[in-house]
C-alpha atoms as a PDB file:
ATOM      1  CA  UNK A   1      99.249  30.650 -33.224  1.00  0.00           C
ATOM      2  CA  UNK A   2     100.614  29.972 -29.737  1.00  0.00           C
ATOM      3  CA  UNK A   3     102.155  26.499 -28.953  1.00  0.00           C
ATOM      4  CA  UNK A   4     101.713  24.047 -26.375  1.00  0.00           C
ATOM      5  CA  UNK A   5     105.029  22.278 -25.035  1.00  0.00           C
ATOM      6  CA  UNK A   6     106.156  20.437 -22.013  1.00  0.00           C
ATOM      7  CA  UNK A   7     109.140  19.686 -19.893  1.00  0.00           C
ATOM      8  CA  UNK A   8     108.436  17.930 -16.764  1.00  0.00           C
ATOM      9  CA  UNK A   9     110.492  17.552 -13.699  1.00  0.00           C
ATOM     10  CA  UNK A  10     112.891  20.100 -14.125  1.00  0.00           C
ATOM     11  CA  UNK A  11     113.946  19.149 -10.051  1.00  0.00           C
ATOM     12  CA  UNK A  12     115.326  22.913 -10.035  1.00  0.00           C
ATOM     13  CA  UNK A  13     117.164  23.663  -6.625  1.00  0.00           C
ATOM     14  CA  UNK A  14     118.659  27.445  -6.819  1.00  0.00           C
ATOM     15  CA  UNK A  15     116.906  27.390  -3.237  1.00  0.00           C
ATOM     16  CA  UNK A  16     118.268  24.203  -2.120  1.00  0.00           C
ATOM     17  CA  UNK A  17     121.901  24.025  -3.464  1.00  0.00           C
ATOM     18  CA  UNK A  18     122.415  20.924  -1.484  1.00  0.00           C
ATOM     19  CA  UNK A  19     119.905  19.162  -3.723  1.00  0.00           C
ATOM     20  CA  UNK A  20     121.805  19.433  -7.098  1.00  0.00           C
ATOM     21  CA  UNK A  21     120.207  16.490  -9.396  1.00  0.00           C
ATOM     22  CA  UNK A  22     124.233  15.858 -10.717  1.00  0.00           C
ATOM     23  CA  UNK A  23     124.470  12.841  -8.483  1.00  0.00           C
ATOM     24  CA  UNK A  24     121.564  10.705 -10.695  1.00  0.00           C
ATOM     25  CA  UNK A  25     124.010  11.036 -13.662  1.00  0.00           C
ATOM     26  CA  UNK A  26     125.960  12.939 -15.766  1.00  0.00           C
ATOM     27  CA  UNK A  27     123.135  13.642 -17.849  1.00  0.00           C
ATOM     28  CA  UNK A  28     122.255  15.635 -15.067  1.00  0.00           C
ATOM     29  CA  UNK A  29     125.068  17.939 -15.060  1.00  0.00           C
ATOM     30  CA  UNK A  30     124.086  21.686 -15.076  1.00  0.00           C
ATOM     31  CA  UNK A  31     121.027  20.900 -16.483  1.00  0.00           C
ATOM     32  CA  UNK A  32     119.218  24.123 -15.528  1.00  0.00           C
ATOM     33  CA  UNK A  33     121.799  25.613 -18.636  1.00  0.00           C
ATOM     34  CA  UNK A  34     120.437  22.547 -20.796  1.00  0.00           C
ATOM     35  CA  UNK A  35     116.695  23.410 -20.039  1.00  0.00           C
ATOM     36  CA  UNK A  36     117.581  26.947 -20.530  1.00  0.00           C
ATOM     37  CA  UNK A  37     119.439  27.107 -23.460  1.00  0.00           C
ATOM     38  CA  UNK A  38     116.498  24.855 -25.693  1.00  0.00           C
ATOM     39  CA  UNK A  39     113.922  26.416 -23.891  1.00  0.00           C
ATOM     40  CA  UNK A  40     115.072  29.863 -25.274  1.00  0.00           C
ATOM     41  CA  UNK A  41     115.230  28.334 -28.616  1.00  0.00           C
ATOM     42  CA  UNK A  42     111.974  26.988 -29.049  1.00  0.00           C
ATOM     43  CA  UNK A  43     109.499  29.361 -27.109  1.00  0.00           C
ATOM     44  CA  UNK A  44     107.982  32.363 -27.752  1.00  0.00           C
ATOM     45  CA  UNK A  45     106.104  34.937 -25.493  1.00  0.00           C
ATOM     46  CA  UNK A  46     102.599  33.758 -26.574  1.00  0.00           C
ATOM     47  CA  UNK A  47     103.121  29.666 -25.886  1.00  0.00           C
ATOM     48  CA  UNK A  48     102.455  27.886 -23.352  1.00  0.00           C
ATOM     49  CA  UNK A  49     105.290  25.562 -21.774  1.00  0.00           C
ATOM     50  CA  UNK A  50     103.550  22.861 -19.368  1.00  0.00           C
ATOM     51  CA  UNK A  51     105.291  21.712 -15.690  1.00  0.00           C
ATOM     52  CA  UNK A  52     103.262  18.196 -14.560  1.00  0.00           C
ATOM     53  CA  UNK A  53     105.323  18.061 -11.678  1.00  0.00           C
ATOM     54  CA  UNK A  54     108.667  17.984  -9.828  1.00  0.00           C
ATOM     55  CA  UNK A  55     109.521  21.653 -10.248  1.00  0.00           C
ATOM     56  CA  UNK A  56     111.694  22.404  -6.990  1.00  0.00           C
ATOM     57  CA  UNK A  57     113.765  20.409  -4.370  1.00  0.00           C
ATOM     58  CA  UNK A  58     112.594  22.852  -1.893  1.00  0.00           C
ATOM     59  CA  UNK A  59     110.656  21.980   1.199  1.00  0.00           C
ATOM     60  CA  UNK A  60     109.056  25.723   1.767  1.00  0.00           C
ATOM     61  CA  UNK A  61     107.599  27.955  -0.815  1.00  0.00           C
ATOM     62  CA  UNK A  62     110.113  30.323   0.400  1.00  0.00           C
ATOM     63  CA  UNK A  63     112.952  28.429  -1.156  1.00  0.00           C
ATOM     64  CA  UNK A  64     111.190  27.685  -4.024  1.00  0.00           C
ATOM     65  CA  UNK A  65     110.893  31.558  -5.206  1.00  0.00           C
ATOM     66  CA  UNK A  66     114.295  31.009  -6.415  1.00  0.00           C
ATOM     67  CA  UNK A  67     113.633  28.388  -8.922  1.00  0.00           C
ATOM     68  CA  UNK A  68     109.912  30.077  -9.630  1.00  0.00           C
ATOM     69  CA  UNK A  69     111.520  33.758 -10.697  1.00  0.00           C
ATOM     70  CA  UNK A  70     114.140  31.240 -12.717  1.00  0.00           C
ATOM     71  CA  UNK A  71     110.545  30.019 -14.606  1.00  0.00           C
ATOM     72  CA  UNK A  72     109.089  33.099 -14.636  1.00  0.00           C
ATOM     73  CA  UNK A  73     112.399  34.956 -16.630  1.00  0.00           C
ATOM     74  CA  UNK A  74     111.694  32.283 -19.666  1.00  0.00           C
ATOM     75  CA  UNK A  75     109.584  33.108 -22.730  1.00  0.00           C
ATOM     76  CA  UNK A  76     106.152  31.987 -22.447  1.00  0.00           C
ATOM     77  CA  UNK A  77     103.178  31.151 -20.173  1.00  0.00           C
ATOM     78  CA  UNK A  78     103.621  27.825 -17.809  1.00  0.00           C
ATOM     79  CA  UNK A  79     101.090  25.940 -16.207  1.00  0.00           C
ATOM     80  CA  UNK A  80     102.369  23.703 -13.346  1.00  0.00           C
ATOM     81  CA  UNK A  81     101.413  21.029 -11.293  1.00  0.00           C
ATOM     82  CA  UNK A  82     102.331  19.263  -8.367  1.00  0.00           C
ATOM     83  CA  UNK A  83     104.617  16.665  -8.382  1.00  0.00           C
ATOM     84  CA  UNK A  84     104.767  13.659  -5.494  1.00  0.00           C
ATOM     85  CA  UNK A  85     108.503  16.008  -5.022  1.00  0.00           C
ATOM     86  CA  UNK A  86     106.899  19.334  -4.335  1.00  0.00           C
ATOM     87  CA  UNK A  87     106.652  19.477  -0.937  1.00  0.00           C
ATOM     88  CA  UNK A  88     106.982  23.681  -1.016  1.00  0.00           C
ATOM     89  CA  UNK A  89     103.487  23.274  -2.907  1.00  0.00           C
ATOM     90  CA  UNK A  90     100.596  25.313  -0.532  1.00  0.00           C
ATOM     91  CA  UNK A  91      97.101  25.841  -0.760  1.00  0.00           C
ATOM     92  CA  UNK A  92      95.410  27.259  -3.740  1.00  0.00           C
ATOM     93  CA  UNK A  93      94.931  31.184  -2.335  1.00  0.00           C
ATOM     94  CA  UNK A  94      98.608  31.060  -1.350  1.00  0.00           C
ATOM     95  CA  UNK A  95      99.917  29.609  -4.197  1.00  0.00           C
ATOM     96  CA  UNK A  96      98.578  32.830  -6.144  1.00  0.00           C
ATOM     97  CA  UNK A  97     100.079  34.877  -4.020  1.00  0.00           C
ATOM     98  CA  UNK A  98     103.406  33.067  -4.632  1.00  0.00           C
ATOM     99  CA  UNK A  99     103.451  32.603  -7.992  1.00  0.00           C
ATOM    100  CA  UNK A 100     105.111  35.141 -10.589  1.00  0.00           C
ATOM    101  CA  UNK A 101     102.880  36.070 -13.583  1.00  0.00           C
ATOM    102  CA  UNK A 102     103.918  34.179 -15.877  1.00  0.00           C
ATOM    103  CA  UNK A 103     103.279  30.660 -14.261  1.00  0.00           C
ATOM    104  CA  UNK A 104      99.842  29.679 -13.151  1.00  0.00           C
ATOM    105  CA  UNK A 105      98.811  26.432 -11.172  1.00  0.00           C
ATOM    106  CA  UNK A 106      96.439  23.116 -11.383  1.00  0.00           C
ATOM    107  CA  UNK A 107      94.679  22.204  -8.726  1.00  0.00           C
ATOM    108  CA  UNK A 108      91.312  21.268  -8.245  1.00  0.00           C
ATOM    109  CA  UNK A 109      90.520  23.735 -11.222  1.00  0.00           C
ATOM    110  CA  UNK A 110      90.412  24.608 -14.865  1.00  0.00           C
ATOM    111  CA  UNK A 111      92.435  27.301 -16.788  1.00  0.00           C
ATOM    112  CA  UNK A 112      91.348  28.552 -20.230  1.00  0.00           C
ATOM    113  CA  UNK A 113      94.819  30.566 -21.261  1.00  0.00           C
ATOM    114  CA  UNK A 114      94.639  31.369 -25.181  1.00  0.00           C
ATOM    115  CA  UNK A 115      92.543  29.025 -26.813  1.00  0.00           C
ATOM    116  CA  UNK A 116      93.025  25.906 -24.882  1.00  0.00           C
ATOM    117  CA  UNK A 117      92.143  24.606 -21.539  1.00  0.00           C
ATOM    118  CA  UNK A 118      94.111  23.091 -19.185  1.00  0.00           C
ATOM    119  CA  UNK A 119      93.098  20.616 -16.511  1.00  0.00           C
ATOM    120  CA  UNK A 120      94.433  17.190 -14.258  1.00  0.00           C
ATOM    121  CA  UNK A 121      95.687  15.865 -11.062  1.00  0.00           C
ATOM    122  CA  UNK A 122      98.521  14.455 -10.048  1.00  0.00           C
ATOM    123  CA  UNK A 123      97.416  10.881  -9.737  1.00  0.00           C
ATOM    124  CA  UNK A 124      99.422   8.377  -7.983  1.00  0.00           C
ATOM    125  CA  UNK A 125     101.087   4.822  -8.404  1.00  0.00           C
ATOM    126  CA  UNK A 126      99.418   1.665  -7.222  1.00  0.00           C
ATOM    127  CA  UNK A 127     100.416  -2.145  -7.710  1.00  0.00           C
ATOM    128  CA  UNK A 128      98.202  -2.404 -10.981  1.00  0.00           C
ATOM    129  CA  UNK A 129      98.984   1.103 -12.511  1.00  0.00           C
ATOM    130  CA  UNK A 130     102.240   1.377 -12.309  1.00  0.00           C
ATOM    131  CA  UNK A 131     104.962   1.876 -15.078  1.00  0.00           C
ATOM    132  CA  UNK A 132     108.004   0.716 -12.934  1.00  0.00           C
ATOM    133  CA  UNK A 133     109.075  -2.088 -15.763  1.00  0.00           C
ATOM    134  CA  UNK A 134     109.781   1.393 -18.093  1.00  0.00           C
ATOM    135  CA  UNK A 135     112.930   2.110 -16.038  1.00  0.00           C
ATOM    136  CA  UNK A 136     116.133   1.228 -16.470  1.00  0.00           C
ATOM    137  CA  UNK A 137     117.390   1.123 -13.154  1.00  0.00           C
ATOM    138  CA  UNK A 138     121.223   1.795 -12.569  1.00  0.00           C
ATOM    139  CA  UNK A 139     122.001   0.507  -8.708  1.00  0.00           C
ATOM    140  CA  UNK A 140     124.200   3.627  -8.677  1.00  0.00           C
ATOM    141  CA  UNK A 141     121.823   6.293  -8.518  1.00  0.00           C
ATOM    142  CA  UNK A 142     119.772   4.151  -6.052  1.00  0.00           C
ATOM    143  CA  UNK A 143     118.339   0.476  -4.980  1.00  0.00           C
ATOM    144  CA  UNK A 144     115.778  -1.124  -6.792  1.00  0.00           C
ATOM    145  CA  UNK A 145     112.405  -0.466  -4.752  1.00  0.00           C
ATOM    146  CA  UNK A 146     111.401  -3.057  -1.802  1.00  0.00           C
ATOM    147  CA  UNK A 147     108.134  -4.652  -1.892  1.00  0.00           C
ATOM    148  CA  UNK A 148     105.569  -2.868  -0.483  1.00  0.00           C
ATOM    149  CA  UNK A 149     103.475  -4.179   2.819  1.00  0.00           C
ATOM    150  CA  UNK A 150      99.619  -4.692   2.472  1.00  0.00           C
ATOM    151  CA  UNK A 151      99.410  -1.363   4.507  1.00  0.00           C
ATOM    152  CA  UNK A 152     101.433   0.240   2.166  1.00  0.00           C
ATOM    153  CA  UNK A 153      99.490  -1.000  -0.756  1.00  0.00           C
ATOM    154  CA  UNK A 154      96.477   0.263   0.769  1.00  0.00           C
ATOM    155  CA  UNK A 155      97.599   3.476   1.019  1.00  0.00           C
ATOM    156  CA  UNK A 156      98.484   3.764  -2.454  1.00  0.00           C
ATOM    157  CA  UNK A 157      94.947   2.922  -3.052  1.00  0.00           C
ATOM    158  CA  UNK A 158      93.574   5.669  -0.957  1.00  0.00           C
ATOM    159  CA  UNK A 159      95.602   8.055  -2.367  1.00  0.00           C
ATOM    160  CA  UNK A 160      94.995   7.279  -5.895  1.00  0.00           C
ATOM    161  CA  UNK A 161      91.280   7.310  -5.206  1.00  0.00           C
ATOM    162  CA  UNK A 162      91.485  10.992  -3.698  1.00  0.00           C
ATOM    163  CA  UNK A 163      93.544  11.906  -6.760  1.00  0.00           C
ATOM    164  CA  UNK A 164      91.064  10.444  -9.104  1.00  0.00           C
ATOM    165  CA  UNK A 165      88.332  12.324  -7.656  1.00  0.00           C
ATOM    166  CA  UNK A 166      90.554  15.393  -7.889  1.00  0.00           C
ATOM    167  CA  UNK A 167      90.916  14.964 -11.290  1.00  0.00           C
ATOM    168  CA  UNK A 168      87.034  14.611 -11.577  1.00  0.00           C
ATOM    169  CA  UNK A 169      86.549  18.103 -10.043  1.00  0.00           C
ATOM    170  CA  UNK A 170      88.651  19.684 -12.759  1.00  0.00           C
ATOM    171  CA  UNK A 171      87.347  18.035 -15.341  1.00  0.00           C
ATOM    172  CA  UNK A 172      84.259  19.242 -14.286  1.00  0.00           C
ATOM    173  CA  UNK A 173      85.242  22.876 -15.032  1.00  0.00           C
ATOM    174  CA  UNK A 174      86.859  22.092 -18.436  1.00  0.00           C
ATOM    175  CA  UNK A 175      82.594  21.677 -19.110  1.00  0.00           C
ATOM    176  CA  UNK A 176      82.594  25.699 -18.383  1.00  0.00           C
ATOM    177  CA  UNK A 177      84.496  26.114 -21.866  1.00  0.00           C
ATOM    178  CA  UNK A 178      83.041  25.023 -24.595  1.00  0.00           C
ATOM    179  CA  UNK A 179      84.868  25.510 -27.691  1.00  0.00           C
ATOM    180  CA  UNK A 180      87.961  25.531 -26.167  1.00  0.00           C
ATOM    181  CA  UNK A 181      91.333  22.979 -27.194  1.00  0.00           C
ATOM    182  CA  UNK A 182      91.465  20.560 -23.850  1.00  0.00           C
ATOM    183  CA  UNK A 183      94.834  19.540 -22.834  1.00  0.00           C
ATOM    184  CA  UNK A 184      95.105  17.318 -19.543  1.00  0.00           C
ATOM    185  CA  UNK A 185      98.042  17.158 -17.168  1.00  0.00           C
ATOM    186  CA  UNK A 186      99.363  14.655 -14.648  1.00  0.00           C
ATOM    187  CA  UNK A 187     102.836  13.989 -12.643  1.00  0.00           C
ATOM    188  CA  UNK A 188     101.924  10.173 -12.405  1.00  0.00           C
ATOM    189  CA  UNK A 189     101.466   8.096 -15.659  1.00  0.00           C
ATOM    190  CA  UNK A 190      97.812   7.815 -16.118  1.00  0.00           C
ATOM    191  CA  UNK A 191      98.218   4.071 -16.797  1.00  0.00           C
ATOM    192  CA  UNK A 192     100.467   0.752 -16.278  1.00  0.00           C
ATOM    193  CA  UNK A 193     102.383  -1.057 -18.158  1.00  0.00           C
ATOM    194  CA  UNK A 194     101.341  -2.822 -20.690  1.00  0.00           C
ATOM    195  CA  UNK A 195      99.080  -0.568 -21.723  1.00  0.00           C
ATOM    196  CA  UNK A 196      95.441  -0.778 -20.800  1.00  0.00           C
ATOM    197  CA  UNK A 197      92.619   1.541 -19.929  1.00  0.00           C
ATOM    198  CA  UNK A 198      92.714   2.737 -16.288  1.00  0.00           C
ATOM    199  CA  UNK A 199      90.560   4.784 -13.625  1.00  0.00           C
ATOM    200  CA  UNK A 200      92.076   8.008 -14.811  1.00  0.00           C
ATOM    201  CA  UNK A 201      92.026   7.576 -18.590  1.00  0.00           C
ATOM    202  CA  UNK A 202      88.491   6.886 -18.529  1.00  0.00           C
ATOM    203  CA  UNK A 203      88.014   9.967 -16.340  1.00  0.00           C
ATOM    204  CA  UNK A 204      90.223  12.187 -19.522  1.00  0.00           C
ATOM    205  CA  UNK A 205      87.439  10.500 -21.937  1.00  0.00           C
ATOM    206  CA  UNK A 206      85.162  12.540 -20.746  1.00  0.00           C
ATOM    207  CA  UNK A 207      86.475  15.690 -22.216  1.00  0.00           C
ATOM    208  CA  UNK A 208      88.204  13.742 -25.292  1.00  0.00           C
ATOM    209  CA  UNK A 209      91.229  15.993 -24.462  1.00  0.00           C
ATOM    210  CA  UNK A 210      93.660  16.461 -27.768  1.00  0.00           C
ATOM    211  CA  UNK A 211      96.425  15.580 -25.345  1.00  0.00           C
ATOM    212  CA  UNK A 212      97.660  14.530 -21.734  1.00  0.00           C
ATOM    213  CA  UNK A 213     101.007  15.284 -20.610  1.00  0.00           C
ATOM    214  CA  UNK A 214     102.874  13.355 -17.906  1.00  0.00           C
ATOM    215  CA  UNK A 215     106.347  13.096 -15.984  1.00  0.00           C
ATOM    216  CA  UNK A 216     107.402  11.011 -13.114  1.00  0.00           C
ATOM    217  CA  UNK A 217     109.447   8.435 -14.848  1.00  0.00           C
ATOM    218  CA  UNK A 218     113.150   8.840 -15.073  1.00  0.00           C
ATOM    219  CA  UNK A 219     116.145   6.751 -16.833  1.00  0.00           C
ATOM    220  CA  UNK A 220     113.369   5.109 -18.914  1.00  0.00           C
ATOM    221  CA  UNK A 221     114.464   2.336 -21.178  1.00  0.00           C
ATOM    222  CA  UNK A 222     114.306   3.535 -24.902  1.00  0.00           C
ATOM    223  CA  UNK A 223     112.189   0.679 -26.016  1.00  0.00           C
ATOM    224  CA  UNK A 224     109.264   1.557 -23.307  1.00  0.00           C
ATOM    225  CA  UNK A 225     106.222   1.987 -25.170  1.00  0.00           C
ATOM    226  CA  UNK A 226     105.104   4.997 -22.541  1.00  0.00           C
ATOM    227  CA  UNK A 227     103.875   6.886 -25.418  1.00  0.00           C
ATOM    228  CA  UNK A 228     100.859   5.925 -27.311  1.00  0.00           C
ATOM    229  CA  UNK A 229      97.445   7.315 -28.844  1.00  0.00           C
ATOM    230  CA  UNK A 230      93.985   5.821 -27.035  1.00  0.00           C
ATOM    231  CA  UNK A 231      90.448   7.468 -28.556  1.00  0.00           C
ATOM    232  CA  UNK A 232      91.948  10.469 -30.488  1.00  0.00           C
ATOM    233  CA  UNK A 233      93.845  11.668 -27.343  1.00  0.00           C
ATOM    234  CA  UNK A 234      97.783  11.397 -27.737  1.00  0.00           C
ATOM    235  CA  UNK A 235      99.562  10.620 -24.374  1.00  0.00           C
ATOM    236  CA  UNK A 236     103.153  12.047 -24.296  1.00  0.00           C
ATOM    237  CA  UNK A 237     106.007  11.183 -21.235  1.00  0.00           C
ATOM    238  CA  UNK A 238     107.822  14.577 -20.996  1.00  0.00           C
ATOM    239  CA  UNK A 239     110.406  14.080 -18.207  1.00  0.00           C
ATOM    240  CA  UNK A 240     113.356  16.189 -18.264  1.00  0.00           C
ATOM    241  CA  UNK A 241     115.709  13.451 -18.684  1.00  0.00           C
ATOM    242  CA  UNK A 242     113.686  11.555 -21.500  1.00  0.00           C
ATOM    243  CA  UNK A 243     113.327  14.348 -23.531  1.00  0.00           C
ATOM    244  CA  UNK A 244     117.005  15.599 -23.577  1.00  0.00           C
ATOM    245  CA  UNK A 245     116.060  18.697 -21.738  1.00  0.00           C
ATOM    246  CA  UNK A 246     114.281  20.238 -24.184  1.00  0.00           C
ATOM    247  CA  UNK A 247     110.560  21.116 -24.329  1.00  0.00           C
ATOM    248  CA  UNK A 248     108.477  18.831 -26.409  1.00  0.00           C
ATOM    249  CA  UNK A 249     106.250  20.564 -28.680  1.00  0.00           C
ATOM    250  CA  UNK A 250     102.445  19.032 -27.919  1.00  0.00           C
ATOM    251  CA  UNK A 251     100.609  20.987 -30.186  1.00  0.00           C
ATOM    252  CA  UNK A 252      99.344  24.254 -31.653  1.00  0.00           C
ATOM    253  CA  UNK A 253      95.909  26.029 -31.882  1.00  0.00           C
END
């Protein structure tokens, strides 16, 4: 019976060694080793691992090759989604050419693999739909974000709307696979805090996924209510540091 796990935001840098995550805190020191150890203890060859964004610090796909090969040699089939730091990400055609065979990219599409159909989009953050209050800001890791200008807020809204359109495109393809178990992915949280419905959750509800996984958030407060159940869909924050660099079991067939 295949299982679905998730682990987001690995921020790998095998091809860009100057971008080590060590500067973000002791917990990040040698974090790829932590990931590999826990991954190999949990994941079987027929399992699926969802990685919803911020996969590599690379700026170009050639730089990302080492990170992708590292993931490829870990057990299981990997489904990846673009994060806000994945500048190396290419067009769907190019991605199909550069990805190793055990890695599949979600980009305006849906992937039917085993008994599951995976779908989603990166989403974005807006003034209303943000989980900034969940972050335990440490000034040693960077300054607090500055207030946005009205133009920047308008740009956020525009990007968010575009990502919702991409999510709808992906959802439309889910309907081509009746009988499969839908699992959603997004990089940014699909709602804001305090928990409420959002345009993104309303779109997800069109296909009532068993689960939706997301990342992006780091240094999350222990008491922050970032995981929740809504209309039979379980939403899971799966950032590496939040999970102690251990893939989280999401569901089984």
